[in-house]
Protein backbone atom coordinates (compact mmCIF):
# COMPACT_ATOMS: atom_id res chain seq x y z
CA MET A 1 0.00 0.00 0.00
CA PRO A 2 1.36 3.45 -0.87
CA GLN A 3 2.77 5.32 2.05
CA GLU A 4 0.44 8.28 1.68
CA PHE A 5 -2.64 6.05 2.19
CA MET A 6 -1.36 4.34 5.27
CA SER A 7 -2.99 5.45 8.52
CA GLN A 8 -0.78 7.37 10.82
CA GLU A 9 -0.99 7.95 14.57
CA PRO A 10 -1.79 11.54 15.56
CA THR A 11 1.43 13.37 16.03
CA THR A 12 2.25 15.14 19.27
CA ASP A 13 5.07 17.13 17.82
CA ALA A 14 4.77 20.76 18.93
CA ALA A 15 5.67 21.86 15.41
CA GLN A 16 2.50 20.21 14.04
CA ARG A 17 0.12 21.93 16.43
CA PHE A 18 -2.04 24.83 15.33
CA ARG A 19 -0.44 28.17 15.92
CA PRO A 20 -2.32 30.84 17.90
CA GLY A 21 -4.52 32.85 15.59
CA THR A 22 -5.15 30.02 13.10
CA PHE A 23 -8.84 30.19 13.91
CA ALA A 24 -9.89 33.83 14.16
CA PRO A 25 -11.61 35.48 15.84
CA ALA A 26 -10.94 33.26 18.85
CA PRO A 27 -14.38 32.73 20.46
CA ARG A 28 -14.50 33.43 24.17
CA ARG A 29 -16.75 34.95 26.80
CA ALA A 30 -16.86 38.75 26.76
CA ALA A 31 -15.40 40.76 29.60
CA PRO A 32 -17.69 41.12 32.66
CA GLY A 33 -18.10 44.84 32.11
CA ARG A 34 -19.29 44.39 28.53
CA MET A 35 -21.70 41.62 29.54
CA VAL A 36 -23.19 43.76 32.30
CA ALA A 37 -23.55 46.77 29.99
CA ALA A 38 -25.23 44.71 27.25
CA GLN A 39 -27.56 42.92 29.65
CA GLY A 40 -28.42 46.14 31.45
CA ARG A 41 -29.21 47.85 28.16
CA ILE A 42 -31.60 45.15 26.91
CA GLU A 43 -33.30 44.81 30.31
CA THR A 44 -33.80 48.57 30.47
CA ILE A 45 -35.28 48.70 26.96
CA LEU A 46 -37.69 45.86 27.76
CA PHE A 47 -38.66 47.50 31.06
CA LEU A 48 -39.32 50.90 29.49
CA ARG A 49 -41.32 49.41 26.61
CA HIS A 50 -43.75 47.64 28.93
CA GLY A 51 -46.96 49.68 29.12
CA GLU A 52 -48.08 48.24 32.46
CA GLN A 53 -44.76 49.17 34.01
CA GLN A 54 -45.15 52.76 32.85
CA LEU A 55 -48.66 52.92 34.24
CA LEU A 56 -47.66 51.52 37.63
CA SER A 57 -44.29 53.23 37.96
CA ILE A 58 -44.83 56.69 36.47
CA ILE A 59 -48.41 57.55 35.53
CA ILE A 60 -50.15 56.47 38.74
CA PRO A 61 -47.56 58.13 41.05
CA LEU A 62 -47.69 61.31 38.95
CA VAL A 63 -51.49 61.44 39.19
CA MET A 64 -51.28 60.77 42.94
CA LEU A 65 -48.80 63.64 43.35
CA VAL A 66 -50.90 66.16 41.44
CA VAL A 67 -54.18 65.15 43.07
CA ALA A 68 -52.81 65.01 46.63
CA ALA A 69 -51.11 68.39 46.20
CA ASN A 70 -54.34 70.07 45.06
CA VAL A 71 -57.03 68.15 46.95
CA PRO A 72 -56.72 67.74 50.76
CA VAL A 73 -57.23 63.96 50.70
CA LEU A 74 -54.42 63.50 53.25
CA GLY A 75 -55.48 66.32 55.56
CA ASP A 76 -55.52 70.09 55.31
CA GLY A 77 -52.05 70.48 56.83
CA THR A 78 -50.32 68.12 54.41
CA GLY A 79 -48.26 69.99 51.85
CA ILE A 80 -46.04 69.15 48.93
CA ASN A 81 -43.01 68.70 51.22
CA GLU A 82 -44.74 65.73 52.86
CA ILE A 83 -46.53 64.41 49.78
CA PHE A 84 -43.56 64.25 47.41
CA PRO A 85 -41.40 61.87 49.53
CA MET A 86 -44.38 59.55 49.93
CA VAL A 87 -45.11 59.50 46.20
CA LEU A 88 -41.43 58.98 45.37
CA ALA A 89 -41.34 56.01 47.75
CA ILE A 90 -44.47 54.56 46.13
CA ALA A 91 -42.92 54.95 42.67
CA ALA A 92 -39.75 53.18 43.82
CA THR A 93 -41.87 50.39 45.28
CA SER A 94 -43.65 50.00 41.96
CA ALA A 95 -40.47 49.79 39.89
CA GLY A 96 -38.27 47.81 42.25
CA PHE A 97 -40.75 45.38 43.72
CA THR A 98 -44.02 45.03 41.83
CA GLY A 99 -42.78 45.57 38.28
CA GLN A 100 -39.64 43.53 38.76
CA ALA A 101 -41.44 40.61 40.40
CA ILE A 102 -44.11 40.36 37.69
CA SER A 103 -41.75 40.69 34.72
CA LEU A 104 -39.30 38.20 36.21
CA ALA A 105 -42.02 35.65 36.98
CA PHE A 106 -43.34 35.74 33.41
CA ASP A 107 -39.80 35.54 32.02
CA ARG A 108 -39.45 32.31 33.98
CA ARG A 109 -42.84 31.02 32.86
CA TYR A 110 -42.14 31.46 29.14
CA GLY A 111 -38.58 30.15 29.40
CA ALA A 112 -36.94 33.44 28.41
CA LEU A 113 -34.82 33.52 31.54
CA LYS A 114 -33.71 29.91 31.12
CA ARG A 115 -32.77 30.43 27.47
CA THR A 116 -30.78 33.53 28.38
CA GLY A 117 -28.89 31.53 30.98
CA ALA A 118 -28.27 28.71 28.50
CA SER A 119 -26.62 31.17 26.11
CA GLY A 120 -23.58 31.34 28.36
CA VAL A 121 -24.53 34.52 30.20
CA PRO A 122 -23.79 34.00 33.90
CA ALA A 123 -26.72 34.12 36.30
CA TRP A 124 -25.27 37.06 38.20
CA THR A 125 -25.09 39.08 34.96
CA ILE A 126 -28.82 38.60 34.36
CA ILE A 127 -29.62 39.72 37.90
CA VAL A 128 -27.34 42.76 37.67
CA GLY A 129 -28.93 43.65 34.32
CA LYS A 130 -32.37 43.67 35.91
CA ILE A 131 -31.10 45.84 38.75
CA ILE A 132 -29.73 48.31 36.19
CA ALA A 133 -33.15 48.40 34.52
CA VAL A 134 -34.79 49.24 37.83
CA LEU A 135 -32.25 51.98 38.53
CA ALA A 136 -32.90 53.46 35.08
CA MET A 137 -36.63 53.47 35.75
CA VAL A 138 -36.15 55.05 39.17
CA ALA A 139 -33.94 57.76 37.64
CA LEU A 140 -36.68 58.52 35.11
CA GLN A 141 -39.32 58.53 37.86
CA THR A 142 -37.27 60.88 39.99
CA VAL A 143 -36.80 63.36 37.17
CA ILE A 144 -40.47 63.38 36.13
CA LEU A 145 -41.88 63.49 39.66
CA GLY A 146 -39.23 65.97 40.79
CA VAL A 147 -40.06 68.40 37.98
CA ALA A 148 -43.77 68.05 38.76
CA ALA A 149 -43.11 68.68 42.46
CA LEU A 150 -41.05 71.78 41.65
CA LEU A 151 -43.92 73.13 39.57
CA LEU A 152 -46.23 72.48 42.52
CA GLY A 153 -44.04 74.51 44.87
CA TRP A 154 -41.55 72.04 46.30
CA ARG A 155 -38.24 73.74 47.15
CA PRO A 156 -35.53 71.40 48.54
CA ASP A 157 -31.98 72.32 49.54
CA ALA A 158 -28.83 70.71 48.10
CA LEU A 159 -27.91 68.75 51.24
CA GLY A 160 -31.40 67.34 51.50
CA VAL A 161 -31.31 66.17 47.89
CA LEU A 162 -27.96 64.40 48.40
CA LEU A 163 -29.23 62.61 51.53
CA ALA A 164 -32.44 61.67 49.72
CA VAL A 165 -30.51 60.16 46.79
CA LEU A 166 -28.59 57.93 49.20
CA THR A 167 -31.77 56.89 51.00
CA LEU A 168 -33.55 56.24 47.71
CA LEU A 169 -30.72 54.00 46.46
CA VAL A 170 -30.83 51.90 49.63
CA GLY A 171 -34.61 51.65 49.42
CA VAL A 172 -34.61 50.70 45.74
CA THR A 173 -32.01 48.01 46.47
CA GLY A 174 -34.26 46.53 49.13
CA PHE A 175 -37.38 46.55 46.97
CA THR A 176 -35.47 45.08 44.03
CA ALA A 177 -34.20 42.26 46.24
CA LEU A 178 -37.77 41.60 47.37
CA GLY A 179 -38.94 41.62 43.74
CA LEU A 180 -36.22 39.16 42.72
CA LEU A 181 -37.15 36.93 45.64
CA MET A 182 -40.84 36.80 44.77
CA GLY A 183 -40.43 36.71 40.98
CA GLY A 184 -37.69 34.11 41.18
CA THR A 185 -39.48 31.63 43.43
CA LEU A 186 -43.26 31.70 42.87
CA SER A 187 -45.45 30.94 39.86
CA SER A 188 -46.36 33.79 37.52
CA GLU A 189 -50.08 33.65 38.37
CA LEU A 190 -49.38 33.80 42.09
CA VAL A 191 -46.85 36.60 41.66
CA LEU A 192 -49.30 38.64 39.57
CA ALA A 193 -51.90 38.48 42.31
CA LEU A 194 -49.61 38.83 45.32
CA ALA A 195 -47.38 41.58 43.91
CA ASN A 196 -50.34 43.85 43.16
CA LEU A 197 -52.00 43.04 46.49
CA ILE A 198 -48.83 43.76 48.44
CA TRP A 199 -48.34 47.00 46.48
CA VAL A 200 -51.83 48.16 47.48
CA ILE A 201 -51.11 47.28 51.13
CA LEU A 202 -47.75 49.07 51.11
CA VAL A 203 -49.30 52.17 49.53
CA GLY A 204 -52.23 52.09 51.96
CA VAL A 205 -49.98 51.82 55.01
CA VAL A 206 -47.70 54.67 53.99
CA GLY A 207 -50.71 56.86 53.14
CA TRP A 208 -52.30 56.09 56.51
CA VAL A 209 -49.11 56.95 58.38
CA LEU A 210 -48.83 60.28 56.59
CA TYR A 211 -52.50 61.08 57.27
CA SER A 212 -52.57 59.96 60.91
CA GLN A 213 -49.23 60.97 62.41
CA GLY A 214 -46.80 62.16 59.75
CA LEU A 215 -43.93 60.34 58.12
CA ASP A 216 -41.34 62.06 60.30
CA ALA A 217 -42.85 60.32 63.36
CA ALA A 218 -43.78 56.91 61.97
CA GLY A 219 -42.86 54.90 65.06
CA TRP A 220 -43.15 51.12 64.68
CA TYR A 221 -44.62 51.60 61.20
CA THR A 222 -41.03 52.25 60.12
CA LEU A 223 -40.53 48.47 60.02
CA VAL A 224 -42.73 48.44 56.89
CA PRO A 225 -40.32 48.99 53.96
CA SER A 226 -42.51 51.51 52.12
CA VAL A 227 -42.92 53.56 55.31
CA ALA A 228 -39.20 53.32 56.06
CA LEU A 229 -38.35 54.67 52.60
CA ALA A 230 -40.98 57.43 52.65
CA SER A 231 -40.04 58.46 56.19
CA GLY A 232 -36.33 58.35 55.32
CA LEU A 233 -36.90 60.54 52.28
CA THR A 234 -38.93 63.01 54.33
CA LEU A 235 -36.18 63.37 56.90
CA SER A 236 -33.49 63.47 54.22
CA PHE A 237 -35.13 66.36 52.37
CA ASP A 238 -35.25 68.17 55.72
CA GLY A 239 -31.46 67.76 56.04
CA VAL A 240 -31.60 65.05 58.73
CA ILE A 241 -29.74 61.76 58.33
CA PRO A 242 -32.42 59.03 58.74
CA TRP A 243 -30.33 56.50 60.68
CA THR A 244 -33.24 54.35 61.87
CA GLU A 245 -34.90 54.23 58.46
CA LEU A 246 -31.63 53.39 56.72
CA LEU A 247 -30.99 50.59 59.23
CA VAL A 248 -34.43 49.13 58.56
CA LEU A 249 -33.95 49.32 54.79
CA VAL A 250 -30.50 47.71 55.00
CA GLY A 251 -32.06 44.92 57.06
CA TRP A 252 -34.63 44.30 54.33
CA VAL A 253 -31.83 44.28 51.73
CA VAL A 254 -29.81 41.66 53.64
CA VAL A 255 -32.77 39.36 54.37
CA ALA A 256 -34.32 39.56 50.89
CA ALA A 257 -31.00 39.22 49.06
CA ALA A 258 -29.96 36.20 51.13
CA ALA A 259 -33.31 34.52 50.52
CA ALA A 260 -33.18 35.30 46.79
CA VAL A 261 -29.70 33.78 46.49
CA ARG A 262 -30.88 30.70 48.35
CA TRP A 263 -34.16 30.02 46.52
CA PHE A 264 -33.98 31.89 43.19
CA ARG A 265 -34.83 29.67 40.18
CA PHE A 266 -34.36 30.37 36.48
CA ASP A 267 -37.21 28.09 35.41
CA SER A 268 -40.74 27.52 36.63
């Protein structure tokens, strides 16, 4: 048999190996920063395109702000300085908790989350992308509601705004962790019912506290996350560091995040 047709054992000679760059471009996972940026961008676009999210996170809080500022539904002595922190807290609750829980639960139901994970994107990147989407929504909420409050006569000072931004970030982190916990563990039908019910309860409690005793003296109601955030924002805009409210919100962040890490599922 001719030599060229005879089978040969695979050579291990280094000279016969493929040189680097033979197959180009060399496929590999993108850098973490690029993955986070890409995932955050697509999650933000999907979040902003969702009509129900806009209704719950922007339109309803904006209507609440305008109505409460012009109609004494929360008492004759309640002004824009008390109403705006409450409405901002409600908006953050809508974006971080209710909207995130519902969208995440339906992503799991239809397999979108599982397919994204199967594409090679790490689980933590998907979660961080959703957090970025919430932060983008909260930034949009803050601008729209802030401009509306300024038109209605709200006049904050610079220190109060800086303290409020810090408080808002801690509160949004806590509500997002709660949203990830609920949306990542329960069925979509149950999440849809519970998330809206809990949102109504959280809004009702914070409205009752403002009407009955004021958010700057919430007492034990501060243990409720929506009250803690609204009370913390009220104190922050007044130039007071809300230590108790921040401690409560950090506690919610730790508990909800630990539970989400423990029980979060990417499929139904």
